[in-house]
Protein backbone atom coordinates (compact mmCIF):
# COMPACT_ATOMS: atom_id res chain seq x y z
CA UNK A 1 -44.96 73.50 -35.69
CA UNK A 2 -47.37 70.35 -35.47
CA UNK A 3 -48.86 68.50 -31.93
CA UNK A 4 -50.68 69.95 -29.15
CA UNK A 5 -48.74 71.10 -25.54
CA UNK A 6 -50.25 70.86 -22.27
CA UNK A 7 -48.57 72.79 -19.54
CA UNK A 8 -49.75 71.41 -16.17
CA UNK A 9 -47.96 73.59 -13.91
CA UNK A 10 -50.17 75.98 -12.12
CA UNK A 11 -48.20 79.09 -12.86
CA UNK A 12 -46.73 78.94 -15.67
CA UNK A 13 -45.87 82.42 -17.82
CA UNK A 14 -47.56 84.28 -14.36
CA UNK A 15 -44.27 86.19 -13.83
CA UNK A 16 -43.10 86.33 -17.30
CA UNK A 17 -45.02 85.58 -20.77
CA UNK A 18 -41.76 85.17 -22.94
CA UNK A 19 -41.88 81.42 -22.85
CA UNK A 20 -45.50 81.65 -23.97
CA UNK A 21 -44.55 84.17 -26.59
CA UNK A 22 -41.94 81.85 -27.84
CA UNK A 23 -44.41 78.80 -28.22
CA UNK A 24 -46.99 81.06 -30.19
CA UNK A 25 -43.82 82.57 -32.60
CA UNK A 26 -42.92 79.15 -33.17
CA UNK A 27 -46.68 77.83 -34.07
CA UNK A 28 -47.34 75.39 -31.05
CA UNK A 29 -51.01 75.55 -29.77
CA UNK A 30 -50.91 74.80 -26.13
CA UNK A 31 -53.19 74.46 -23.13
CA UNK A 32 -53.06 75.88 -19.81
CA UNK A 33 -53.77 74.42 -16.83
CA UNK A 34 -57.28 75.71 -15.72
CA UNK A 35 -57.62 74.80 -12.48
CA UNK A 36 -54.63 76.63 -11.31
CA UNK A 37 -53.36 74.03 -8.59
CA UNK A 38 -51.89 70.35 -8.89
CA UNK A 39 -53.95 68.33 -11.14
CA UNK A 40 -55.47 65.00 -10.11
CA UNK A 41 -54.88 62.08 -12.10
CA UNK A 42 -58.46 61.90 -14.02
CA UNK A 43 -58.19 65.88 -14.41
CA UNK A 44 -54.43 65.26 -16.50
CA UNK A 45 -55.86 62.42 -18.20
CA UNK A 46 -58.93 64.52 -19.71
CA UNK A 47 -56.61 67.45 -20.45
CA UNK A 48 -53.95 65.07 -22.17
CA UNK A 49 -57.02 64.16 -24.34
CA UNK A 50 -55.20 64.59 -28.33
CA UNK A 51 -52.37 66.39 -26.74
CA UNK A 52 -48.63 65.19 -27.89
CA UNK A 53 -46.63 67.20 -25.50
CA UNK A 54 -46.83 67.63 -21.68
CA UNK A 55 -44.95 70.44 -19.54
CA UNK A 56 -45.41 68.48 -16.37
CA UNK A 57 -45.08 70.09 -12.67
CA UNK A 58 -45.58 67.85 -9.66
CA UNK A 59 -48.79 65.72 -10.45
CA UNK A 60 -48.40 62.00 -10.40
CA UNK A 61 -48.09 60.80 -14.11
CA UNK A 62 -48.58 57.17 -13.55
CA UNK A 63 -49.18 54.28 -15.94
CA UNK A 64 -52.96 54.82 -16.49
CA UNK A 65 -52.10 58.38 -17.81
CA UNK A 66 -49.58 56.58 -20.15
CA UNK A 67 -52.32 53.99 -21.37
CA UNK A 68 -55.10 56.20 -21.57
CA UNK A 69 -53.24 58.75 -23.86
CA UNK A 70 -50.97 56.65 -26.25
CA UNK A 71 -50.51 59.60 -28.53
CA UNK A 72 -48.22 61.34 -25.57
CA UNK A 73 -44.74 61.57 -27.03
CA UNK A 74 -42.75 64.22 -24.72
CA UNK A 75 -42.97 65.11 -21.27
CA UNK A 76 -40.59 67.73 -19.89
CA UNK A 77 -40.60 68.20 -16.20
CA UNK A 78 -40.81 71.65 -15.20
CA UNK A 79 -38.10 71.85 -12.06
CA UNK A 80 -35.95 68.83 -10.78
CA UNK A 81 -36.94 65.59 -9.53
CA UNK A 82 -38.73 62.78 -11.26
CA UNK A 83 -40.32 60.85 -8.72
CA UNK A 84 -43.60 62.06 -9.71
CA UNK A 85 -43.26 60.55 -13.43
CA UNK A 86 -43.60 56.89 -14.02
CA UNK A 87 -40.51 56.35 -15.60
CA UNK A 88 -41.06 52.35 -16.38
CA UNK A 89 -44.31 53.41 -18.12
CA UNK A 90 -42.96 56.14 -20.25
CA UNK A 91 -40.41 53.75 -21.73
CA UNK A 92 -43.26 51.14 -22.13
CA UNK A 93 -45.10 53.78 -24.19
CA UNK A 94 -42.19 55.06 -25.78
CA UNK A 95 -42.63 58.89 -24.27
CA UNK A 96 -39.53 60.80 -23.97
CA UNK A 97 -39.09 62.36 -20.71
CA UNK A 98 -36.85 65.59 -20.07
CA UNK A 99 -36.29 67.76 -17.25
CA UNK A 100 -34.74 71.52 -16.33
CA UNK A 101 -32.38 70.31 -13.58
CA UNK A 102 -29.99 73.56 -13.41
CA UNK A 103 -32.54 76.21 -12.91
CA UNK A 104 -33.95 75.36 -9.44
CA UNK A 105 -30.36 75.27 -7.73
CA UNK A 106 -29.90 78.58 -6.59
CA UNK A 107 -33.19 79.00 -5.29
CA UNK A 108 -33.62 76.00 -3.60
CA UNK A 109 -30.18 76.02 -1.83
CA UNK A 110 -31.08 79.42 -1.07
CA UNK A 111 -34.53 78.48 0.82
CA UNK A 112 -32.30 76.19 2.32
CA UNK A 113 -30.05 78.69 4.31
CA UNK A 114 -33.29 80.63 5.18
CA UNK A 115 -34.56 78.25 6.67
CA UNK A 116 -31.72 77.09 8.63
CA UNK A 117 -31.00 80.81 9.88
CA UNK A 118 -34.81 81.01 10.53
CA UNK A 119 -35.14 77.62 12.93
CA UNK A 120 -31.65 78.39 14.81
CA UNK A 121 -32.53 82.02 15.58
CA UNK A 122 -36.41 81.04 16.14
CA UNK A 123 -37.24 83.84 13.87
CA UNK A 124 -40.70 82.15 12.76
CA UNK A 125 -41.67 81.62 16.47
CA UNK A 126 -41.03 85.13 17.52
CA UNK A 127 -42.97 86.58 14.96
CA UNK A 128 -45.73 84.69 15.79
CA UNK A 129 -45.53 85.59 19.41
CA UNK A 130 -45.17 89.29 18.85
CA UNK A 131 -48.18 89.26 16.77
CA UNK A 132 -50.15 87.58 19.49
CA UNK A 133 -49.38 90.31 21.72
CA UNK A 134 -46.10 88.86 23.46
CA UNK A 135 -42.70 89.98 23.78
CA UNK A 136 -40.37 86.90 23.92
CA UNK A 137 -36.59 86.96 23.80
CA UNK A 138 -35.80 83.43 22.55
CA UNK A 139 -32.09 82.15 22.91
CA UNK A 140 -30.93 81.22 19.66
CA UNK A 141 -27.61 79.33 18.04
CA UNK A 142 -25.13 80.67 16.08
CA UNK A 143 -24.43 79.03 12.18
CA UNK A 144 -21.31 79.64 12.32
CA UNK A 145 -18.63 76.98 13.54
CA UNK A 146 -21.09 74.44 13.48
CA UNK A 147 -21.36 71.16 11.99
CA UNK A 148 -23.35 70.76 8.79
CA UNK A 149 -24.53 67.30 7.40
CA UNK A 150 -25.73 67.17 4.42
CA UNK A 151 -27.42 64.36 2.69
CA UNK A 152 -27.15 64.19 -0.94
CA UNK A 153 -24.63 66.58 -2.63
CA UNK A 154 -25.57 67.01 -6.08
CA UNK A 155 -26.49 70.15 -7.99
CA UNK A 156 -28.29 71.48 -5.02
CA UNK A 157 -26.35 70.27 -2.28
CA UNK A 158 -23.17 71.02 -3.97
CA UNK A 159 -24.51 74.60 -4.04
CA UNK A 160 -25.51 74.71 -0.37
CA UNK A 161 -21.90 73.83 0.49
CA UNK A 162 -20.40 77.33 -1.49
CA UNK A 163 -23.58 79.29 0.76
CA UNK A 164 -22.48 78.13 3.97
CA UNK A 165 -18.46 79.12 3.12
CA UNK A 166 -19.04 82.48 5.27
CA UNK A 167 -20.32 80.84 7.96
CA UNK A 168 -16.99 78.75 8.69
CA UNK A 169 -18.95 75.40 9.25
CA UNK A 170 -17.41 71.80 9.28
CA UNK A 171 -19.12 69.67 6.77
CA UNK A 172 -20.12 66.11 6.78
CA UNK A 173 -21.60 64.27 3.56
CA UNK A 174 -23.41 61.60 2.77
CA UNK A 175 -23.90 60.87 -0.87
CA UNK A 176 -24.12 57.14 -2.78
CA UNK A 177 -21.82 58.88 -5.69
CA UNK A 178 -18.88 60.82 -3.90
CA UNK A 179 -17.27 63.35 -5.75
CA UNK A 180 -14.05 63.53 -4.21
CA UNK A 181 -12.08 65.86 -5.82
CA UNK A 182 -15.31 68.18 -4.91
CA UNK A 183 -15.28 67.15 -1.30
CA UNK A 184 -11.14 67.68 -1.33
CA UNK A 185 -11.69 71.26 -2.38
CA UNK A 186 -14.34 72.17 -0.15
CA UNK A 187 -12.87 70.20 3.12
CA UNK A 188 -15.98 67.67 3.12
CA UNK A 189 -15.85 64.68 5.24
CA UNK A 190 -18.03 61.61 3.71
CA UNK A 191 -19.34 59.58 6.40
CA UNK A 192 -22.23 57.11 7.19
CA UNK A 193 -25.75 58.21 7.85
CA UNK A 194 -25.76 57.64 11.04
CA UNK A 195 -22.57 59.48 11.87
CA UNK A 196 -24.25 62.40 10.07
CA UNK A 197 -27.24 62.51 12.47
CA UNK A 198 -25.07 61.80 15.49
CA UNK A 199 -22.39 64.32 14.83
CA UNK A 200 -24.40 67.25 13.00
CA UNK A 201 -25.70 70.46 14.30
CA UNK A 202 -27.84 70.91 11.31
CA UNK A 203 -29.04 68.11 9.16
CA UNK A 204 -30.32 69.10 5.45
CA UNK A 205 -31.81 66.83 2.95
CA UNK A 206 -31.04 67.18 -0.62
CA UNK A 207 -31.48 63.32 -2.06
CA UNK A 208 -33.93 62.22 -4.37
CA UNK A 209 -37.04 60.34 -3.36
CA UNK A 210 -36.71 56.49 -4.08
CA UNK A 211 -37.40 53.17 -2.76
CA UNK A 212 -34.09 53.31 -0.99
CA UNK A 213 -34.81 57.19 0.38
CA UNK A 214 -38.59 56.80 0.96
CA UNK A 215 -38.50 57.27 5.44
CA UNK A 216 -35.01 57.39 5.45
CA UNK A 217 -35.36 59.65 7.96
CA UNK A 218 -37.20 57.79 10.56
CA UNK A 219 -37.57 57.54 14.36
CA UNK A 220 -34.71 55.63 14.63
CA UNK A 221 -32.56 57.97 12.64
CA UNK A 222 -34.13 60.81 14.35
CA UNK A 223 -33.17 59.50 17.64
CA UNK A 224 -29.44 59.78 16.86
CA UNK A 225 -29.64 63.49 16.74
CA UNK A 226 -28.54 65.72 19.18
CA UNK A 227 -30.87 67.60 21.63
CA UNK A 228 -29.82 71.07 20.15
CA UNK A 229 -29.83 69.99 16.24
CA UNK A 230 -32.00 71.12 13.79
CA UNK A 231 -33.40 69.51 10.35
CA UNK A 232 -34.04 70.55 7.36
CA UNK A 233 -36.02 69.05 4.20
CA UNK A 234 -35.94 70.89 1.02
CA UNK A 235 -35.83 67.88 -1.46
CA UNK A 236 -38.96 65.26 -1.32
CA UNK A 237 -41.47 64.57 1.39
CA UNK A 238 -41.22 61.11 1.44
CA UNK A 239 -37.72 61.10 2.60
CA UNK A 240 -38.75 62.13 6.34
CA UNK A 241 -41.36 60.41 8.37
CA UNK A 242 -43.58 63.28 9.11
CA UNK A 243 -45.29 61.28 11.91
CA UNK A 244 -41.94 60.27 13.72
CA UNK A 245 -40.74 64.04 13.12
CA UNK A 246 -43.94 65.26 14.40
CA UNK A 247 -43.30 63.00 18.06
CA UNK A 248 -39.57 64.18 18.19
CA UNK A 249 -40.04 67.65 18.33
CA UNK A 250 -43.14 67.16 20.27
CA UNK A 251 -40.80 65.74 23.11
CA UNK A 252 -38.02 68.21 22.31
CA UNK A 253 -35.62 65.45 21.21
CA UNK A 254 -34.10 67.79 18.85
CA UNK A 255 -34.76 71.78 18.91
CA UNK A 256 -36.46 72.50 15.29
CA UNK A 257 -36.75 71.37 12.02
CA UNK A 258 -37.98 73.36 8.58
CA UNK A 259 -40.06 71.20 6.05
CA UNK A 260 -40.88 72.69 2.43
CA UNK A 261 -42.23 69.28 1.31
CA UNK A 262 -44.67 66.48 2.18
CA UNK A 263 -45.73 63.42 1.57
CA UNK A 264 -49.26 64.74 0.78
CA UNK A 265 -49.84 68.31 -0.42
CA UNK A 266 -51.43 70.56 0.31
CA UNK A 267 -50.27 69.32 3.74
CA UNK A 268 -52.67 69.30 6.81
CA UNK A 269 -50.99 66.79 9.41
CA UNK A 270 -50.03 67.14 12.84
CA UNK A 271 -46.60 69.15 12.25
CA UNK A 272 -49.09 72.08 11.97
CA UNK A 273 -49.90 72.17 15.44
CA UNK A 274 -46.33 72.17 16.37
CA UNK A 275 -44.51 75.50 17.30
CA UNK A 276 -40.97 74.32 16.73
CA UNK A 277 -41.07 73.76 13.22
CA UNK A 278 -41.16 76.04 10.38
CA UNK A 279 -43.59 74.92 7.56
CA UNK A 280 -43.34 76.19 3.85
CA UNK A 281 -45.56 75.21 0.72
CA UNK A 282 -43.49 73.69 -1.43
CA UNK A 283 -41.76 77.14 -2.76
CA UNK A 284 -38.22 75.69 -3.22
CA UNK A 285 -38.06 76.90 -7.14
CA UNK A 286 -40.75 80.04 -6.21
CA UNK A 287 -38.36 82.72 -7.10
CA UNK A 288 -39.23 84.90 -10.00
CA UNK A 289 -35.97 84.51 -11.69
CA UNK A 290 -35.77 80.81 -11.20
CA UNK A 291 -39.71 80.17 -12.46
CA UNK A 292 -38.53 82.23 -15.68
CA UNK A 293 -35.50 79.92 -16.32
CA UNK A 294 -37.52 76.85 -15.46
CA UNK A 295 -40.19 77.63 -18.17
CA UNK A 296 -38.10 78.86 -21.06
CA UNK A 297 -35.44 75.94 -20.48
CA UNK A 298 -38.93 73.59 -20.63
CA UNK A 299 -40.27 75.10 -23.78
CA UNK A 300 -36.60 75.06 -25.18
CA UNK A 301 -36.87 71.16 -24.57
CA UNK A 302 -40.19 71.12 -26.02
CA UNK A 303 -39.13 73.07 -29.34
CA UNK A 304 -36.14 70.84 -29.88
CA UNK A 305 -38.13 67.67 -29.58
CA UNK A 306 -40.71 69.14 -32.43
CA UNK A 307 -37.84 70.04 -34.59
CA UNK A 308 -35.91 66.73 -34.24
CA UNK A 309 -38.97 65.06 -35.15
CA UNK A 310 -39.80 67.27 -38.36
CA UNK A 311 -36.43 66.58 -39.72
CA UNK A 312 -36.79 62.89 -38.94
CA UNK A 313 -40.17 62.80 -41.23
CA UNK A 314 -39.02 65.59 -43.28
């Protein structure tokens, strides 16, 4: 197969070499990320020189990237969420864009559940205290019987609903597109954004990042939450105003929060100095089984694209 492939994700093939083996067998020449971290725009532009296909991570793919690399034909986002790709520029320069949205669903949903239980029972706080020589007995809250507000009932939001079943919670939902059949089957009540923040004991975010959702969770919406409520964000960092959340947590206006995503990553902001928030390093899809599935799905996209092109020009 003709053409060169850049794989910009930092750990592609680290857990299982199957996806890379398949590329070799197909005769696809590939380049791995030499920095083993998120690429800067300059690094991405340089590495794309002479490259026609890109398996991308979460690095910013701006119009400058397309402009400097007119030979680029395909981007496959290894994961879900396309907010890091300038889709308008992709269309302008005739670059096809695909993703692997199904693969991360379970791992992100399971992380969501882990974070909810963590903050409700102060697991991380207790761990830190014991390691420092203390022996606290933090009084937590049960998840069972609570009201959970879910912002975004796409693939991941729906999986969270399924994982919540054993806890007998009441579920409030918010989404621009309302799947009434799914809601009826799982006894979800669709309400306004404000109602979710006012009435939920747990608010968990599963929305895409766009102009409508940027800083959707601001000081005004946080002020609507119950004092014992918790906020979870495993979607995109820009959805939550981090400074507003930090102020809210400092003054105990809500009980706790957990974030896996941030506006600037790696995150080094003021939330790192606050003890009633759990911070993880964008690990939503970082389960071995998920990574292997994502990588192979991304390779499927690349190989199918090349086969289609070769048939067209045969």
